[in-house]
Amino acid sequence: MKLYVYDHCPFCAKARMIFGLKSLPLELRFLLEDDVDTPTEMVGRKTAPILEKPDGSHMAESMEIVHYVDGHQGETVVTPTGENSPIRVWQESAWRPILELSIPRLAEANFPEFATPEARADFKTRQEQNFGDFDELIGRTSELMPGVERQLAELDGVLAGREHVDADDFALYPSLRMLSIVKDVMYPANVRRYMERLEQTTGVGLHFDKAR
């Protein structure tokens, strides 16, 4: 199967994870950020990820892709969780500050979707409409970082002894993967161990080598 993605995108990371967890072959295709035509031809709009099924049809929406692959290839591995699970509650509170720290740094990193100046500029323009001026966000790092690190300390207890995989991992790991683009974040032991374990088991690499 083929999966059309952006490398920086947490929703695309979700769709990639299931292939690694199930050791399934996958052909990754990286879309340029300003490529409207390719995804629109496949699913009617600019979006990612997009899965191309063996019959040539396409589907979007990250968790729909996860459940499709999980249900059609071997034993299922993604067990459901409750809406108020500790990880989901944590995710809801940490999501916005993680985005504010990560997005302006992702915009400057070397990703396939930013292979042209026009593609990178398109991303910056769109995301500054969502989050504000990137230079101002970078300037708020000393304000945002302590709060995120306190939240990571809370998450550390939740992840203690966690070795299984369930639906919560498809929200948590992509978020922590985004955060790994931010230099000098202090990760508690259980959080760091979790990130490294999911990186290994999913094959979806962290961004520590690109951190800034």
N, C-alpha and C. Protein backbone atom coordinates (compact mmCIF):
# COMPACT_ATOMS: atom_id res chain seq x y z
N MET A 1 0.83 -1.19 0.00
CA MET A 1 0.00 0.00 0.00
C MET A 1 0.87 1.25 0.00
N LYS A 2 0.31 2.34 -0.50
CA LYS A 2 1.00 3.61 -0.53
C LYS A 2 0.33 4.56 0.46
N LEU A 3 1.16 5.37 1.11
CA LEU A 3 0.64 6.35 2.05
C LEU A 3 1.24 7.70 1.70
N TYR A 4 0.38 8.67 1.43
CA TYR A 4 0.81 10.02 1.09
C TYR A 4 0.77 10.87 2.35
N VAL A 5 1.91 11.49 2.66
CA VAL A 5 2.06 12.14 3.96
C VAL A 5 2.89 13.40 3.86
N TYR A 6 2.87 14.18 4.97
CA TYR A 6 3.90 15.17 5.29
C TYR A 6 4.69 14.59 6.46
N ASP A 7 5.99 14.75 6.46
CA ASP A 7 6.79 14.14 7.51
C ASP A 7 6.59 14.83 8.87
N HIS A 8 6.32 16.13 8.86
CA HIS A 8 6.18 16.85 10.13
C HIS A 8 4.83 16.61 10.80
N CYS A 9 3.86 16.09 10.07
CA CYS A 9 2.45 16.11 10.47
C CYS A 9 2.13 15.03 11.50
N PRO A 10 1.55 15.39 12.65
CA PRO A 10 1.22 14.38 13.66
C PRO A 10 0.13 13.42 13.20
N PHE A 11 -0.79 13.88 12.37
CA PHE A 11 -1.85 13.00 11.88
C PHE A 11 -1.29 11.97 10.89
N CYS A 12 -0.32 12.40 10.11
CA CYS A 12 0.37 11.47 9.21
C CYS A 12 1.17 10.45 10.01
N ALA A 13 1.79 10.88 11.11
CA ALA A 13 2.53 9.96 11.97
C ALA A 13 1.61 8.87 12.51
N LYS A 14 0.38 9.22 12.86
CA LYS A 14 -0.58 8.21 13.33
C LYS A 14 -0.75 7.11 12.30
N ALA A 15 -0.98 7.51 11.05
CA ALA A 15 -1.22 6.52 10.00
C ALA A 15 0.01 5.68 9.73
N ARG A 16 1.20 6.26 9.86
CA ARG A 16 2.44 5.51 9.64
C ARG A 16 2.68 4.48 10.75
N MET A 17 2.27 4.82 11.97
CA MET A 17 2.58 3.97 13.12
C MET A 17 2.05 2.56 12.98
N ILE A 18 0.83 2.41 12.45
CA ILE A 18 0.21 1.09 12.40
C ILE A 18 0.99 0.13 11.51
N PHE A 19 1.59 0.65 10.45
CA PHE A 19 2.38 -0.20 9.57
C PHE A 19 3.62 -0.73 10.29
N GLY A 20 4.27 0.12 11.07
CA GLY A 20 5.43 -0.32 11.83
C GLY A 20 5.07 -1.31 12.92
N LEU A 21 3.98 -1.03 13.62
CA LEU A 21 3.56 -1.92 14.71
C LEU A 21 3.23 -3.31 14.20
N LYS A 22 2.73 -3.40 12.97
CA LYS A 22 2.33 -4.68 12.41
C LYS A 22 3.35 -5.23 11.41
N SER A 23 4.50 -4.53 11.30
CA SER A 23 5.58 -4.96 10.40
C SER A 23 5.08 -5.19 8.97
N LEU A 24 4.29 -4.24 8.48
CA LEU A 24 3.72 -4.33 7.15
C LEU A 24 4.51 -3.47 6.16
N PRO A 25 4.66 -3.94 4.93
CA PRO A 25 5.35 -3.13 3.93
C PRO A 25 4.55 -1.88 3.60
N LEU A 26 5.25 -0.80 3.35
CA LEU A 26 4.59 0.47 3.07
C LEU A 26 5.45 1.30 2.14
N GLU A 27 4.83 1.86 1.13
CA GLU A 27 5.51 2.82 0.25
C GLU A 27 5.07 4.21 0.65
N LEU A 28 6.00 4.99 1.20
CA LEU A 28 5.70 6.35 1.62
C LEU A 28 5.89 7.31 0.46
N ARG A 29 4.92 8.18 0.27
CA ARG A 29 5.03 9.25 -0.72
C ARG A 29 4.86 10.58 0.00
N PHE A 30 5.86 11.44 -0.10
CA PHE A 30 5.80 12.73 0.58
C PHE A 30 5.25 13.79 -0.36
N LEU A 31 4.17 14.43 0.06
CA LEU A 31 3.56 15.51 -0.70
C LEU A 31 4.26 16.83 -0.41
N LEU A 32 4.37 17.69 -1.41
CA LEU A 32 4.81 19.05 -1.15
C LEU A 32 3.68 19.80 -0.45
N GLU A 33 4.06 20.67 0.46
CA GLU A 33 3.07 21.39 1.25
C GLU A 33 2.12 22.22 0.39
N ASP A 34 2.60 22.74 -0.72
CA ASP A 34 1.74 23.57 -1.57
C ASP A 34 1.12 22.80 -2.73
N ASP A 35 1.20 21.47 -2.71
CA ASP A 35 0.59 20.65 -3.76
C ASP A 35 -0.88 20.43 -3.42
N VAL A 36 -1.73 21.15 -4.11
CA VAL A 36 -3.17 21.02 -3.91
C VAL A 36 -3.75 19.95 -4.83
N ASP A 37 -3.21 19.85 -6.04
CA ASP A 37 -3.82 19.01 -7.06
C ASP A 37 -3.78 17.52 -6.72
N THR A 38 -2.62 17.02 -6.23
CA THR A 38 -2.49 15.58 -6.00
C THR A 38 -3.50 15.05 -4.99
N PRO A 39 -3.58 15.62 -3.78
CA PRO A 39 -4.59 15.10 -2.83
C PRO A 39 -6.01 15.35 -3.29
N THR A 40 -6.25 16.47 -3.97
CA THR A 40 -7.61 16.75 -4.43
C THR A 40 -8.07 15.73 -5.46
N GLU A 41 -7.17 15.30 -6.32
CA GLU A 41 -7.52 14.28 -7.30
C GLU A 41 -7.87 12.95 -6.62
N MET A 42 -7.25 12.68 -5.47
CA MET A 42 -7.46 11.40 -4.80
C MET A 42 -8.70 11.41 -3.91
N VAL A 43 -8.87 12.48 -3.11
CA VAL A 43 -9.97 12.46 -2.12
C VAL A 43 -10.82 13.72 -2.14
N GLY A 44 -10.60 14.60 -3.11
CA GLY A 44 -11.47 15.75 -3.26
C GLY A 44 -11.09 16.99 -2.50
N ARG A 45 -9.96 16.96 -1.78
CA ARG A 45 -9.52 18.14 -1.03
C ARG A 45 -8.04 17.99 -0.69
N LYS A 46 -7.43 19.11 -0.29
CA LYS A 46 -6.04 19.09 0.16
C LYS A 46 -6.00 18.58 1.60
N THR A 47 -5.44 17.42 1.79
CA THR A 47 -5.35 16.83 3.12
C THR A 47 -4.25 15.77 3.12
N ALA A 48 -3.84 15.37 4.27
CA ALA A 48 -2.92 14.25 4.46
C ALA A 48 -3.12 13.76 5.89
N PRO A 49 -2.98 12.45 6.12
CA PRO A 49 -2.51 11.42 5.20
C PRO A 49 -3.62 10.92 4.27
N ILE A 50 -3.17 10.27 3.19
CA ILE A 50 -4.08 9.59 2.27
C ILE A 50 -3.51 8.20 1.99
N LEU A 51 -4.33 7.19 2.20
CA LEU A 51 -3.93 5.82 1.93
C LEU A 51 -4.44 5.39 0.55
N GLU A 52 -3.55 4.83 -0.23
CA GLU A 52 -3.96 4.19 -1.49
C GLU A 52 -4.05 2.70 -1.23
N LYS A 53 -5.25 2.16 -1.31
CA LYS A 53 -5.50 0.75 -1.02
C LYS A 53 -5.03 -0.13 -2.17
N PRO A 54 -4.93 -1.44 -1.94
CA PRO A 54 -4.51 -2.35 -3.01
C PRO A 54 -5.38 -2.29 -4.26
N ASP A 55 -6.66 -1.93 -4.11
CA ASP A 55 -7.55 -1.86 -5.28
C ASP A 55 -7.47 -0.51 -6.00
N GLY A 56 -6.57 0.37 -5.53
CA GLY A 56 -6.39 1.67 -6.18
C GLY A 56 -7.27 2.77 -5.65
N SER A 57 -8.20 2.47 -4.77
CA SER A 57 -9.03 3.50 -4.17
C SER A 57 -8.26 4.20 -3.04
N HIS A 58 -8.80 5.32 -2.59
CA HIS A 58 -8.09 6.14 -1.60
C HIS A 58 -8.99 6.43 -0.41
N MET A 59 -8.36 6.61 0.74
CA MET A 59 -9.08 7.04 1.93
C MET A 59 -8.21 8.00 2.73
N ALA A 60 -8.87 8.95 3.39
CA ALA A 60 -8.19 9.93 4.23
C ALA A 60 -8.61 9.70 5.68
N GLU A 61 -8.25 10.65 6.55
CA GLU A 61 -8.54 10.60 7.99
C GLU A 61 -7.64 9.57 8.67
N SER A 62 -6.77 10.08 9.52
CA SER A 62 -5.70 9.25 10.07
C SER A 62 -6.19 8.02 10.83
N MET A 63 -7.13 8.18 11.76
CA MET A 63 -7.55 7.02 12.55
C MET A 63 -8.41 6.06 11.74
N GLU A 64 -9.10 6.55 10.72
CA GLU A 64 -9.81 5.63 9.83
C GLU A 64 -8.81 4.74 9.09
N ILE A 65 -7.69 5.33 8.69
CA ILE A 65 -6.64 4.55 8.06
C ILE A 65 -6.08 3.53 9.04
N VAL A 66 -5.82 3.96 10.26
CA VAL A 66 -5.29 3.05 11.28
C VAL A 66 -6.21 1.85 11.47
N HIS A 67 -7.49 2.10 11.65
CA HIS A 67 -8.43 1.01 11.90
C HIS A 67 -8.63 0.14 10.67
N TYR A 68 -8.58 0.74 9.49
CA TYR A 68 -8.69 -0.05 8.26
C TYR A 68 -7.52 -1.04 8.15
N VAL A 69 -6.31 -0.53 8.32
CA VAL A 69 -5.13 -1.39 8.22
C VAL A 69 -5.12 -2.42 9.34
N ASP A 70 -5.45 -1.99 10.54
CA ASP A 70 -5.44 -2.91 11.68
C ASP A 70 -6.46 -4.02 11.50
N GLY A 71 -7.60 -3.70 10.90
CA GLY A 71 -8.66 -4.69 10.76
C GLY A 71 -8.51 -5.61 9.57
N HIS A 72 -7.65 -5.22 8.62
CA HIS A 72 -7.53 -6.02 7.40
C HIS A 72 -6.20 -6.76 7.29
N GLN A 73 -5.31 -6.55 8.23
CA GLN A 73 -3.99 -7.17 8.13
C GLN A 73 -3.63 -7.84 9.46
N GLY A 74 -3.94 -9.12 9.59
CA GLY A 74 -3.57 -9.86 10.79
C GLY A 74 -4.43 -9.52 11.99
N GLU A 75 -3.97 -9.95 13.17
CA GLU A 75 -4.70 -9.69 14.40
C GLU A 75 -4.67 -8.20 14.73
N THR A 76 -5.78 -7.70 15.26
CA THR A 76 -5.84 -6.28 15.62
C THR A 76 -4.93 -6.00 16.82
N VAL A 77 -4.32 -4.82 16.80
CA VAL A 77 -3.42 -4.44 17.89
C VAL A 77 -3.88 -3.15 18.58
N VAL A 78 -4.81 -2.42 17.98
CA VAL A 78 -5.22 -1.13 18.53
C VAL A 78 -6.47 -1.31 19.38
N THR A 79 -6.28 -1.51 20.66
CA THR A 79 -7.42 -1.66 21.55
C THR A 79 -7.99 -0.29 21.91
N PRO A 80 -9.32 -0.19 22.04
CA PRO A 80 -9.94 1.10 22.34
C PRO A 80 -9.69 1.54 23.78
N THR A 81 -9.82 2.83 24.01
CA THR A 81 -9.69 3.39 25.36
C THR A 81 -10.86 4.34 25.61
N GLY A 82 -11.05 4.70 26.87
CA GLY A 82 -12.14 5.59 27.23
C GLY A 82 -11.84 7.04 26.90
N GLU A 83 -12.89 7.83 26.75
CA GLU A 83 -12.73 9.24 26.41
C GLU A 83 -11.99 10.01 27.50
N ASN A 84 -12.08 9.54 28.73
CA ASN A 84 -11.45 10.24 29.85
C ASN A 84 -10.24 9.50 30.39
N SER A 85 -9.56 8.74 29.52
CA SER A 85 -8.36 8.05 29.97
C SER A 85 -7.31 9.10 30.36
N PRO A 86 -6.41 8.76 31.29
CA PRO A 86 -5.41 9.75 31.74
C PRO A 86 -4.58 10.33 30.60
N ILE A 87 -4.25 9.52 29.61
CA ILE A 87 -3.45 10.02 28.50
C ILE A 87 -4.25 11.01 27.66
N ARG A 88 -5.53 10.71 27.42
CA ARG A 88 -6.35 11.65 26.64
C ARG A 88 -6.55 12.96 27.37
N VAL A 89 -6.75 12.90 28.67
CA VAL A 89 -6.90 14.12 29.46
C VAL A 89 -5.62 14.94 29.39
N TRP A 90 -4.48 14.26 29.52
CA TRP A 90 -3.19 14.96 29.43
C TRP A 90 -3.02 15.59 28.05
N GLN A 91 -3.34 14.83 27.03
CA GLN A 91 -3.19 15.30 25.66
C GLN A 91 -3.98 16.58 25.41
N GLU A 92 -5.18 16.63 25.91
CA GLU A 92 -6.03 17.80 25.69
C GLU A 92 -5.43 19.06 26.31
N SER A 93 -4.79 18.89 27.47
CA SER A 93 -4.23 20.07 28.14
C SER A 93 -2.88 20.47 27.57
N ALA A 94 -2.13 19.52 27.04
CA ALA A 94 -0.77 19.80 26.56
C ALA A 94 -0.71 20.14 25.08
N TRP A 95 -1.76 19.85 24.33
CA TRP A 95 -1.71 19.94 22.88
C TRP A 95 -1.36 21.34 22.37
N ARG A 96 -2.07 22.35 22.85
CA ARG A 96 -1.85 23.71 22.35
C ARG A 96 -0.43 24.21 22.64
N PRO A 97 0.08 24.11 23.86
CA PRO A 97 1.46 24.59 24.08
C PRO A 97 2.50 23.80 23.30
N ILE A 98 2.27 22.51 23.10
CA ILE A 98 3.20 21.73 22.26
C ILE A 98 3.20 22.28 20.84
N LEU A 99 2.02 22.58 20.31
CA LEU A 99 1.94 23.16 18.97
C LEU A 99 2.66 24.50 18.90
N GLU A 100 2.44 25.34 19.91
CA GLU A 100 3.05 26.68 19.88
C GLU A 100 4.57 26.61 19.93
N LEU A 101 5.11 25.63 20.62
CA LEU A 101 6.56 25.46 20.64
C LEU A 101 7.07 24.81 19.35
N SER A 102 6.31 23.87 18.83
CA SER A 102 6.81 23.03 17.74
C SER A 102 6.64 23.63 16.36
N ILE A 103 5.47 24.20 16.08
CA ILE A 103 5.15 24.60 14.71
C ILE A 103 6.18 25.56 14.09
N PRO A 104 6.60 26.63 14.78
CA PRO A 104 7.58 27.52 14.14
C PRO A 104 8.93 26.86 13.90
N ARG A 105 9.26 25.86 14.69
CA ARG A 105 10.53 25.16 14.50
C ARG A 105 10.42 24.12 13.38
N LEU A 106 9.29 23.45 13.31
CA LEU A 106 9.06 22.53 12.20
C LEU A 106 9.14 23.26 10.87
N ALA A 107 8.67 24.50 10.84
CA ALA A 107 8.65 25.28 9.61
C ALA A 107 10.04 25.56 9.07
N GLU A 108 11.05 25.52 9.93
CA GLU A 108 12.42 25.80 9.51
C GLU A 108 13.25 24.54 9.28
N ALA A 109 12.70 23.38 9.57
CA ALA A 109 13.46 22.14 9.50
C ALA A 109 13.47 21.56 8.08
N ASN A 110 14.34 20.60 7.88
CA ASN A 110 14.52 19.98 6.57
C ASN A 110 13.58 18.79 6.43
N PHE A 111 12.39 19.04 5.87
CA PHE A 111 11.43 17.98 5.61
C PHE A 111 11.14 17.92 4.11
N PRO A 112 10.78 16.74 3.60
CA PRO A 112 10.52 16.62 2.16
C PRO A 112 9.41 17.54 1.67
N GLU A 113 8.42 17.80 2.50
CA GLU A 113 7.30 18.64 2.09
C GLU A 113 7.68 20.11 1.93
N PHE A 114 8.87 20.48 2.42
CA PHE A 114 9.37 21.85 2.28
C PHE A 114 10.53 21.90 1.30
N ALA A 115 10.53 21.05 0.31
CA ALA A 115 11.66 20.93 -0.62
C ALA A 115 11.81 22.14 -1.53
N THR A 116 10.78 22.95 -1.66
CA THR A 116 10.86 24.17 -2.46
C THR A 116 10.57 25.37 -1.57
N PRO A 117 11.12 26.53 -1.90
CA PRO A 117 10.82 27.73 -1.10
C PRO A 117 9.32 28.04 -1.06
N GLU A 118 8.64 27.77 -2.17
CA GLU A 118 7.21 28.05 -2.23
C GLU A 118 6.42 27.17 -1.26
N ALA A 119 6.82 25.90 -1.17
CA ALA A 119 6.13 24.98 -0.26
C ALA A 119 6.33 25.40 1.20
N ARG A 120 7.56 25.78 1.54
CA ARG A 120 7.84 26.21 2.92
C ARG A 120 7.06 27.50 3.23
N ALA A 121 7.04 28.41 2.29
CA ALA A 121 6.32 29.67 2.51
C ALA A 121 4.83 29.43 2.67
N ASP A 122 4.28 28.48 1.92
CA ASP A 122 2.87 28.16 2.04
C ASP A 122 2.53 27.67 3.44
N PHE A 123 3.38 26.81 3.99
CA PHE A 123 3.18 26.30 5.34
C PHE A 123 3.23 27.45 6.36
N LYS A 124 4.23 28.30 6.23
CA LYS A 124 4.37 29.40 7.19
C LYS A 124 3.17 30.32 7.15
N THR A 125 2.73 30.67 5.96
CA THR A 125 1.58 31.58 5.84
C THR A 125 0.34 30.99 6.49
N ARG A 126 0.09 29.71 6.21
CA ARG A 126 -1.11 29.07 6.74
C ARG A 126 -1.05 28.92 8.26
N GLN A 127 0.10 28.51 8.76
CA GLN A 127 0.19 28.25 10.20
C GLN A 127 0.30 29.53 11.01
N GLU A 128 0.83 30.59 10.44
CA GLU A 128 0.83 31.86 11.18
C GLU A 128 -0.60 32.40 11.31
N GLN A 129 -1.47 32.06 10.39
CA GLN A 129 -2.88 32.42 10.55
C GLN A 129 -3.50 31.68 11.72
N ASN A 130 -3.01 30.47 12.00
CA ASN A 130 -3.55 29.66 13.09
C ASN A 130 -2.93 29.98 14.44
N PHE A 131 -1.64 30.29 14.45
CA PHE A 131 -0.91 30.38 15.72
C PHE A 131 -0.26 31.73 15.98
N GLY A 132 -0.22 32.60 15.00
CA GLY A 132 0.42 33.89 15.19
C GLY A 132 1.83 33.91 14.62
N ASP A 133 2.46 35.07 14.70
CA ASP A 133 3.79 35.29 14.13
C ASP A 133 4.81 34.31 14.71
N PHE A 134 5.55 33.65 13.83
CA PHE A 134 6.51 32.63 14.28
C PHE A 134 7.63 33.23 15.13
N ASP A 135 8.11 34.41 14.77
CA ASP A 135 9.18 35.02 15.57
C ASP A 135 8.69 35.31 16.99
N GLU A 136 7.44 35.74 17.10
CA GLU A 136 6.89 36.00 18.44
C GLU A 136 6.75 34.70 19.23
N LEU A 137 6.36 33.62 18.56
CA LEU A 137 6.24 32.33 19.25
C LEU A 137 7.60 31.85 19.72
N ILE A 138 8.62 31.97 18.88
CA ILE A 138 9.97 31.58 19.30
C ILE A 138 10.39 32.43 20.50
N GLY A 139 10.03 33.69 20.48
CA GLY A 139 10.38 34.58 21.59
C GLY A 139 9.69 34.22 22.89
N ARG A 140 8.61 33.43 22.81
CA ARG A 140 7.89 33.00 24.01
C ARG A 140 8.39 31.66 24.55
N THR A 141 9.48 31.16 24.01
CA THR A 141 9.97 29.84 24.42
C THR A 141 10.18 29.76 25.93
N SER A 142 10.81 30.76 26.51
CA SER A 142 11.10 30.72 27.95
C SER A 142 9.83 30.78 28.78
N GLU A 143 8.76 31.28 28.19
CA GLU A 143 7.46 31.31 28.87
C GLU A 143 6.74 29.97 28.73
N LEU A 144 6.81 29.36 27.54
CA LEU A 144 6.07 28.13 27.25
C LEU A 144 6.76 26.88 27.79
N MET A 145 8.09 26.85 27.75
CA MET A 145 8.83 25.63 28.08
C MET A 145 8.58 25.14 29.50
N PRO A 146 8.62 25.99 30.53
CA PRO A 146 8.41 25.48 31.88
C PRO A 146 7.05 24.80 32.06
N GLY A 147 6.02 25.36 31.45
CA GLY A 147 4.70 24.75 31.56
C GLY A 147 4.65 23.39 30.91
N VAL A 148 5.25 23.25 29.73
CA VAL A 148 5.28 21.96 29.06
C VAL A 148 6.08 20.95 29.87
N GLU A 149 7.18 21.39 30.45
CA GLU A 149 7.98 20.46 31.26
C GLU A 149 7.24 20.03 32.52
N ARG A 150 6.43 20.90 33.10
CA ARG A 150 5.60 20.48 34.23
C ARG A 150 4.58 19.43 33.78
N GLN A 151 4.02 19.63 32.60
CA GLN A 151 3.07 18.66 32.08
C GLN A 151 3.75 17.32 31.78
N LEU A 152 4.98 17.37 31.30
CA LEU A 152 5.72 16.13 31.06
C LEU A 152 6.00 15.40 32.38
N ALA A 153 6.24 16.15 33.43
CA ALA A 153 6.45 15.53 34.74
C ALA A 153 5.19 14.81 35.20
N GLU A 154 4.02 15.40 34.92
CA GLU A 154 2.76 14.73 35.25
C GLU A 154 2.57 13.47 34.41
N LEU A 155 2.94 13.56 33.15
CA LEU A 155 2.80 12.41 32.25
C LEU A 155 3.72 11.26 32.66
N ASP A 156 4.83 11.58 33.27
CA ASP A 156 5.81 10.55 33.64
C ASP A 156 5.19 9.47 34.51
N GLY A 157 4.37 9.87 35.47
CA GLY A 157 3.72 8.89 36.32
C GLY A 157 2.71 8.04 35.57
N VAL A 158 2.02 8.65 34.62
CA VAL A 158 1.03 7.92 33.82
C VAL A 158 1.70 6.83 32.99
N LEU A 159 2.92 7.10 32.52
CA LEU A 159 3.61 6.17 31.63
C LEU A 159 4.46 5.14 32.37
N ALA A 160 4.55 5.24 33.67
CA ALA A 160 5.37 4.29 34.43
C ALA A 160 4.87 2.87 34.22
N GLY A 161 5.74 2.01 33.74
CA GLY A 161 5.40 0.60 33.54
C GLY A 161 4.58 0.32 32.30
N ARG A 162 4.30 1.31 31.51
CA ARG A 162 3.46 1.10 30.31
C ARG A 162 4.26 0.38 29.23
N GLU A 163 3.77 -0.77 28.79
CA GLU A 163 4.43 -1.53 27.74
C GLU A 163 3.48 -1.92 26.62
N HIS A 164 2.18 -1.80 26.83
CA HIS A 164 1.20 -2.22 25.83
C HIS A 164 0.95 -1.11 24.82
N VAL A 165 0.17 -1.42 23.80
CA VAL A 165 -0.23 -0.45 22.79
C VAL A 165 -1.75 -0.37 22.77
N ASP A 166 -2.28 0.84 22.76
CA ASP A 166 -3.72 1.01 22.58
C ASP A 166 -3.96 2.31 21.82
N ALA A 167 -5.22 2.69 21.67
CA ALA A 167 -5.57 3.85 20.85
C ALA A 167 -4.93 5.14 21.36
N ASP A 168 -4.67 5.23 22.66
CA ASP A 168 -4.07 6.45 23.21
C ASP A 168 -2.70 6.74 22.62
N ASP A 169 -1.96 5.70 22.26
CA ASP A 169 -0.62 5.90 21.72
C ASP A 169 -0.64 6.66 20.40
N PHE A 170 -1.76 6.56 19.68
CA PHE A 170 -1.86 7.22 18.38
C PHE A 170 -2.15 8.70 18.51
N ALA A 171 -2.43 9.15 19.71
CA ALA A 171 -2.48 10.59 19.99
C ALA A 171 -1.20 11.05 20.67
N LEU A 172 -0.73 10.27 21.63
CA LEU A 172 0.39 10.71 22.47
C LEU A 172 1.72 10.73 21.73
N TYR A 173 2.05 9.62 21.07
CA TYR A 173 3.38 9.58 20.45
C TYR A 173 3.55 10.66 19.37
N PRO A 174 2.57 10.88 18.47
CA PRO A 174 2.76 11.96 17.50
C PRO A 174 2.94 13.33 18.15
N SER A 175 2.30 13.57 19.28
CA SER A 175 2.47 14.85 19.97
C SER A 175 3.88 14.98 20.52
N LEU A 176 4.36 13.92 21.17
CA LEU A 176 5.72 13.96 21.71
C LEU A 176 6.76 14.01 20.59
N ARG A 177 6.44 13.37 19.47
CA ARG A 177 7.33 13.45 18.30
C ARG A 177 7.45 14.90 17.83
N MET A 178 6.33 15.61 17.76
CA MET A 178 6.39 17.03 17.40
C MET A 178 7.27 17.80 18.38
N LEU A 179 7.09 17.54 19.66
CA LEU A 179 7.84 18.27 20.67
C LEU A 179 9.34 18.02 20.56
N SER A 180 9.72 16.87 20.02
CA SER A 180 11.16 16.54 19.93
C SER A 180 11.92 17.46 18.98
N ILE A 181 11.22 18.31 18.21
CA ILE A 181 11.89 19.31 17.37
C ILE A 181 12.39 20.48 18.21
N VAL A 182 11.93 20.58 19.46
CA VAL A 182 12.27 21.70 20.33
C VAL A 182 13.51 21.35 21.14
N LYS A 183 14.54 22.12 20.98
CA LYS A 183 15.82 21.85 21.64
C LYS A 183 15.74 22.11 23.14
N ASP A 184 16.43 21.27 23.90
CA ASP A 184 16.65 21.45 25.34
C ASP A 184 15.43 21.20 26.21
N VAL A 185 14.41 20.54 25.69
CA VAL A 185 13.30 20.12 26.55
C VAL A 185 13.81 19.01 27.48
N MET A 186 13.46 19.09 28.75
CA MET A 186 13.86 18.07 29.72
C MET A 186 12.75 17.03 29.82
N TYR A 187 13.06 15.79 29.41
CA TYR A 187 12.08 14.71 29.44
C TYR A 187 12.33 13.81 30.65
N PRO A 188 11.34 13.60 31.51
CA PRO A 188 11.50 12.64 32.60
C PRO A 188 11.77 11.24 32.05
N ALA A 189 12.30 10.37 32.89
CA ALA A 189 12.79 9.07 32.45
C ALA A 189 11.72 8.23 31.76
N ASN A 190 10.54 8.14 32.36
CA ASN A 190 9.50 7.29 31.76
C ASN A 190 9.01 7.84 30.43
N VAL A 191 8.95 9.16 30.30
CA VAL A 191 8.52 9.77 29.04
C VAL A 191 9.56 9.51 27.96
N ARG A 192 10.83 9.70 28.30
CA ARG A 192 11.88 9.46 27.31
C ARG A 192 11.92 8.00 26.90
N ARG A 193 11.76 7.11 27.86
CA ARG A 193 11.76 5.68 27.55
C ARG A 193 10.58 5.33 26.63
N TYR A 194 9.44 5.91 26.90
CA TYR A 194 8.26 5.69 26.06
C TYR A 194 8.52 6.16 24.64
N MET A 195 9.07 7.35 24.49
CA MET A 195 9.35 7.89 23.16
C MET A 195 10.30 6.99 22.38
N GLU A 196 11.33 6.53 23.04
CA GLU A 196 12.31 5.67 22.36
C GLU A 196 11.71 4.32 22.01
N ARG A 197 10.85 3.79 22.88
CA ARG A 197 10.21 2.49 22.59
C ARG A 197 9.27 2.61 21.40
N LEU A 198 8.46 3.67 21.37
CA LEU A 198 7.53 3.84 20.25
C LEU A 198 8.27 4.14 18.96
N GLU A 199 9.36 4.87 19.04
CA GLU A 199 10.16 5.10 17.84
C GLU A 199 10.65 3.78 17.25
N GLN A 200 11.11 2.90 18.13
CA GLN A 200 11.63 1.61 17.67
C GLN A 200 10.52 0.71 17.14
N THR A 201 9.40 0.63 17.84
CA THR A 201 8.35 -0.32 17.45
C THR A 201 7.52 0.15 16.26
N THR A 202 7.43 1.46 16.05
CA THR A 202 6.65 1.97 14.93
C THR A 202 7.49 2.29 13.70
N GLY A 203 8.77 2.55 13.92
CA GLY A 203 9.62 2.97 12.81
C GLY A 203 9.42 4.42 12.40
N VAL A 204 8.64 5.17 13.16
CA VAL A 204 8.40 6.59 12.88
C VAL A 204 9.36 7.39 13.75
N GLY A 205 10.40 7.93 13.13
CA GLY A 205 11.50 8.51 13.88
C GLY A 205 11.17 9.83 14.55
N LEU A 206 11.83 10.07 15.67
CA LEU A 206 11.74 11.34 16.38
C LEU A 206 12.58 12.40 15.66
N HIS A 207 12.44 13.65 16.12
CA HIS A 207 13.09 14.78 15.45
C HIS A 207 14.29 15.33 16.22
N PHE A 208 14.85 14.57 17.14
CA PHE A 208 15.93 15.10 17.95
C PHE A 208 17.11 15.58 17.10
N ASP A 209 17.34 14.94 15.97
CA ASP A 209 18.47 15.33 15.12
C ASP A 209 18.22 16.66 14.40
N LYS A 210 16.98 17.13 14.39
CA LYS A 210 16.63 18.38 13.75
C LYS A 210 16.29 19.47 14.78
N ALA A 211 16.40 19.17 16.06
CA ALA A 211 15.91 20.08 17.10
C ALA A 211 16.58 21.43 17.02
N ARG A 212 15.77 22.46 17.31
CA ARG A 212 16.27 23.82 17.27
C ARG A 212 15.52 24.68 18.28
